[in-house]
Protein backbone atom coordinates (compact mmCIF):
# COMPACT_ATOMS: atom_id res chain seq x y z
CA MET A 1 -7.20 -20.81 -5.75
CA ALA A 2 -6.36 -18.97 -2.43
CA GLU A 3 -5.21 -15.32 -2.84
CA THR A 4 -1.46 -15.19 -1.82
CA LYS A 5 -0.29 -12.52 0.64
CA LYS A 6 1.58 -10.75 -2.18
CA GLU A 7 -1.64 -10.40 -4.29
CA PHE A 8 -3.69 -9.47 -1.09
CA VAL A 9 -1.26 -6.43 -0.04
CA ALA A 10 -1.08 -5.28 -3.73
CA ARG A 11 -4.82 -5.45 -4.01
CA ARG A 12 -5.33 -3.53 -0.79
CA LEU A 13 -2.67 -1.24 -1.39
CA ASP A 14 -4.12 -0.35 -4.89
CA GLU A 15 -7.34 0.48 -2.79
CA VAL A 16 -5.36 2.77 -0.30
CA ILE A 17 -3.50 4.70 -3.21
CA ARG A 18 -6.97 5.10 -5.03
CA GLU A 19 -8.59 6.63 -1.96
CA TRP A 20 -5.54 8.60 -0.92
CA GLU A 21 -5.62 9.88 -4.60
CA ALA A 22 -9.31 11.15 -4.69
CA ASP A 23 -8.69 12.82 -1.33
CA ALA A 24 -5.52 14.55 -2.37
CA PRO A 25 -5.39 18.29 -3.17
CA ALA A 26 -4.28 19.40 -6.58
CA GLY A 27 -0.58 19.92 -6.68
CA GLY A 28 0.17 23.65 -6.28
CA PRO A 29 3.39 25.64 -5.99
CA GLY A 30 5.56 24.38 -3.26
CA SER A 31 3.94 20.76 -3.25
CA GLU A 32 7.00 19.31 -5.41
CA GLY A 33 9.44 17.15 -3.44
CA SER A 34 6.85 16.32 -0.41
CA GLU A 35 7.21 12.81 0.78
CA GLY A 36 3.89 12.23 2.15
CA PRO A 37 1.97 8.94 2.59
CA LEU A 38 0.57 8.74 -0.77
CA VAL A 39 4.10 8.83 -2.14
CA THR A 40 5.42 6.18 0.17
CA ALA A 41 2.35 4.06 -0.56
CA GLN A 42 3.03 4.39 -4.36
CA ARG A 43 6.78 3.21 -3.78
CA HIS A 44 5.67 0.57 -1.90
CA ARG A 45 3.19 -0.67 -4.50
CA ALA A 46 6.04 -0.28 -7.25
CA GLU A 47 8.12 -2.82 -5.08
CA ILE A 48 5.51 -5.41 -4.38
CA ASP A 49 6.03 -7.33 -7.65
CA THR A 50 9.73 -8.02 -6.99
CA ALA A 51 9.44 -8.11 -3.25
CA THR A 52 10.67 -10.93 -1.13
CA ASP A 53 8.04 -12.48 1.46
CA THR A 54 10.11 -10.60 4.29
CA ARG A 55 9.56 -7.23 2.40
CA ILE A 56 5.85 -8.06 1.89
CA ASP A 57 5.46 -8.49 5.45
CA GLU A 58 7.29 -5.18 6.22
CA ILE A 59 5.16 -3.09 3.57
CA ALA A 60 1.98 -4.81 4.96
CA ASP A 61 2.78 -3.99 8.56
CA ALA A 62 3.35 -0.32 7.55
CA TYR A 63 -0.38 -0.10 6.76
CA PRO A 64 -2.24 -1.58 10.04
CA GLN A 65 -5.38 -1.82 8.34
CA ILE A 66 -3.92 -4.10 5.67
CA ALA A 67 -2.37 -6.32 8.32
CA GLN A 68 -5.26 -6.52 10.33
CA ALA A 69 -7.29 -7.48 7.35
CA TRP A 70 -4.68 -10.22 6.14
CA SER A 71 -4.37 -11.70 9.91
CA SER A 72 -8.29 -11.80 10.05
CA ARG A 73 -8.91 -13.45 6.95
CA GLY A 74 -10.77 -16.77 7.24
CA ALA A 75 -11.53 -16.06 10.88
């Protein structure tokens, strides 16, 4: 069975989050409340399971590497 766009974006977002978590500096004083790309990616990932197709498109478009990988699938 072919992978849906929702499944594809979720899987790729998981990969991005793992990479960014591995590269993130240990939290220290003053790091609380920062809205960096890791936090945004985690929020997007939390939305995926209940997101509409339109919202999935918006989330994928926020990550050019994910949008490009989706559009080049099977090419």
